[in-house]
C-alpha atoms as a PDB file:
ATOM      1  CA  MET A   1      88.133 111.052 129.086  1.00  0.00           C
ATOM      2  CA  LYS A   2      89.556 111.438 125.608  1.00  0.00           C
ATOM      3  CA  ILE A   3      91.735 114.382 124.764  1.00  0.00           C
ATOM      4  CA  THR A   4      92.007 115.123 121.083  1.00  0.00           C
ATOM      5  CA  GLY A   5      95.322 116.221 119.712  1.00  0.00           C
ATOM      6  CA  SER A   6      96.062 119.414 117.923  1.00  0.00           C
ATOM      7  CA  THR A   7      98.786 120.631 115.644  1.00  0.00           C
ATOM      8  CA  VAL A   8     101.825 121.840 117.545  1.00  0.00           C
ATOM      9  CA  SER A   9     104.016 124.431 115.910  1.00  0.00           C
ATOM     10  CA  THR A  10     107.771 124.309 116.224  1.00  0.00           C
ATOM     11  CA  VAL A  11     109.669 127.228 117.697  1.00  0.00           C
ATOM     12  CA  THR A  12     113.322 127.810 116.864  1.00  0.00           C
ATOM     13  CA  LEU A  13     115.308 130.039 119.176  1.00  0.00           C
ATOM     14  CA  GLY A  14     118.383 131.553 117.572  1.00  0.00           C
ATOM     15  CA  ALA A  15     121.203 133.726 118.819  1.00  0.00           C
ATOM     16  CA  ALA A  16     120.358 137.416 119.089  1.00  0.00           C
ATOM     17  CA  PRO A  17     122.239 139.802 116.793  1.00  0.00           C
ATOM     18  CA  ALA A  18     125.145 141.680 118.356  1.00  0.00           C
ATOM     19  CA  ALA A  19     123.258 144.999 118.215  1.00  0.00           C
ATOM     20  CA  ALA A  20     120.225 143.586 120.038  1.00  0.00           C
ATOM     21  CA  PRO A  21     119.413 144.926 123.505  1.00  0.00           C
ATOM     22  CA  ALA A  22     120.414 142.902 126.551  1.00  0.00           C
ATOM     23  CA  VAL A  23     118.169 139.882 127.176  1.00  0.00           C
ATOM     24  CA  PRO A  24     117.071 139.108 130.738  1.00  0.00           C
ATOM     25  CA  ALA A  25     118.645 135.992 132.232  1.00  0.00           C
ATOM     26  CA  ASP A  26     115.242 134.308 132.620  1.00  0.00           C
ATOM     27  CA  ALA A  27     114.229 134.869 128.955  1.00  0.00           C
ATOM     28  CA  PRO A  28     114.808 131.206 127.939  1.00  0.00           C
ATOM     29  CA  ALA A  29     112.674 130.096 130.880  1.00  0.00           C
ATOM     30  CA  GLN A  30     109.937 132.530 129.848  1.00  0.00           C
ATOM     31  CA  ALA A  31     110.043 131.261 126.250  1.00  0.00           C
ATOM     32  CA  SER A  32     109.910 127.672 127.463  1.00  0.00           C
ATOM     33  CA  ALA A  33     106.981 128.443 129.769  1.00  0.00           C
ATOM     34  CA  ALA A  34     105.090 130.121 126.908  1.00  0.00           C
ATOM     35  CA  LEU A  35     105.711 127.136 124.619  1.00  0.00           C
ATOM     36  CA  GLN A  36     104.681 124.690 127.322  1.00  0.00           C
ATOM     37  CA  SER A  37     101.546 126.718 127.924  1.00  0.00           C
ATOM     38  CA  ASP A  38     100.639 126.538 124.216  1.00  0.00           C
ATOM     39  CA  VAL A  39     101.247 122.786 124.132  1.00  0.00           C
ATOM     40  CA  LEU A  40      99.196 122.151 127.280  1.00  0.00           C
ATOM     41  CA  LYS A  41      96.346 124.473 126.349  1.00  0.00           C
ATOM     42  CA  PRO A  42      94.132 121.751 124.722  1.00  0.00           C
ATOM     43  CA  ALA A  43      94.490 119.499 127.771  1.00  0.00           C
ATOM     44  CA  GLN A  44      93.744 122.368 130.152  1.00  0.00           C
ATOM     45  CA  GLU A  45      90.626 123.276 128.185  1.00  0.00           C
ATOM     46  CA  ALA A  46      89.448 119.644 128.219  1.00  0.00           C
ATOM     47  CA  MET A  47      89.984 119.470 131.991  1.00  0.00           C
ATOM     48  CA  ARG A  48      88.027 122.708 132.509  1.00  0.00           C
ATOM     49  CA  ALA A  49      85.106 121.219 130.557  1.00  0.00           C
ATOM     50  CA  LEU A  50      84.840 118.311 133.008  1.00  0.00           C
ATOM     51  CA  PRO A  51      82.650 118.671 136.094  1.00  0.00           C
ATOM     52  CA  ASP A  52      84.475 119.002 139.416  1.00  0.00           C
ATOM     53  CA  PHE A  53      82.740 115.832 140.583  1.00  0.00           C
ATOM     54  CA  ASP A  54      80.002 113.466 139.448  1.00  0.00           C
ATOM     55  CA  ALA A  55      77.016 114.687 141.470  1.00  0.00           C
ATOM     56  CA  ALA A  56      74.819 111.805 140.266  1.00  0.00           C
ATOM     57  CA  ARG A  57      77.381 109.227 141.408  1.00  0.00           C
ATOM     58  CA  VAL A  58      77.730 110.941 144.794  1.00  0.00           C
ATOM     59  CA  ALA A  59      73.934 110.834 145.254  1.00  0.00           C
ATOM     60  CA  GLU A  60      73.866 107.166 144.205  1.00  0.00           C
ATOM     61  CA  LEU A  61      76.557 106.245 146.750  1.00  0.00           C
ATOM     62  CA  ARG A  62      74.895 108.327 149.482  1.00  0.00           C
ATOM     63  CA  ASP A  63      71.592 106.518 148.904  1.00  0.00           C
ATOM     64  CA  ALA A  64      73.282 103.095 148.878  1.00  0.00           C
ATOM     65  CA  LEU A  65      74.980 103.942 152.191  1.00  0.00           C
ATOM     66  CA  ALA A  66      71.665 105.059 153.696  1.00  0.00           C
ATOM     67  CA  ARG A  67      69.986 101.807 152.593  1.00  0.00           C
ATOM     68  CA  GLY A  68      72.837  99.774 154.080  1.00  0.00           C
ATOM     69  CA  GLU A  69      73.787  98.353 150.690  1.00  0.00           C
ATOM     70  CA  LEU A  70      77.290  99.769 150.806  1.00  0.00           C
ATOM     71  CA  PRO A  71      79.484  98.490 153.623  1.00  0.00           C
ATOM     72  CA  PHE A  72      81.163 101.141 155.731  1.00  0.00           C
ATOM     73  CA  ASP A  73      83.927 100.468 158.241  1.00  0.00           C
ATOM     74  CA  PRO A  74      84.811 103.698 160.081  1.00  0.00           C
ATOM     75  CA  ALA A  75      87.845 102.090 161.745  1.00  0.00           C
ATOM     76  CA  ARG A  76      89.233 101.045 158.362  1.00  0.00           C
ATOM     77  CA  LEU A  77      88.601 104.525 156.966  1.00  0.00           C
ATOM     78  CA  ALA A  78      90.382 106.109 159.933  1.00  0.00           C
ATOM     79  CA  GLY A  79      93.326 103.747 159.444  1.00  0.00           C
ATOM     80  CA  LEU A  80      93.560 104.589 155.749  1.00  0.00           C
ATOM     81  CA  ILE A  81      93.416 108.318 156.464  1.00  0.00           C
ATOM     82  CA  GLN A  82      96.150 107.969 159.065  1.00  0.00           C
ATOM     83  CA  LYS A  83      98.259 105.842 156.718  1.00  0.00           C
ATOM     84  CA  PHE A  84      97.862 108.319 153.848  1.00  0.00           C
ATOM     85  CA  HIS A  85      98.416 111.484 155.849  1.00  0.00           C
ATOM     86  CA  GLY A  86     100.754 110.026 158.419  1.00  0.00           C
ATOM     87  CA  SER A  87     100.787 110.831 162.095  1.00  0.00           C
ATOM     88  CA  ARG A  88     102.370 114.235 162.485  1.00  0.00           C
END
């Protein structure tokens, strides 16, 4: 997958004038989240354009399993699942 870049604008946050209304304590976090959202937007759009899974590849693997061309070791799979998820 190739994600193409886009121009990113720079945001400068300055001190508020003395007569400005009170700013919520989480305002810098909100500004940062908005900036991050703008920066990540192209990547998020590229990810949304991708299919959730490759249906053709799933069908190919399913057929290979059915024909016995793809080795399957249920004990090994169970061990890997247990190792990954742990025994809780």
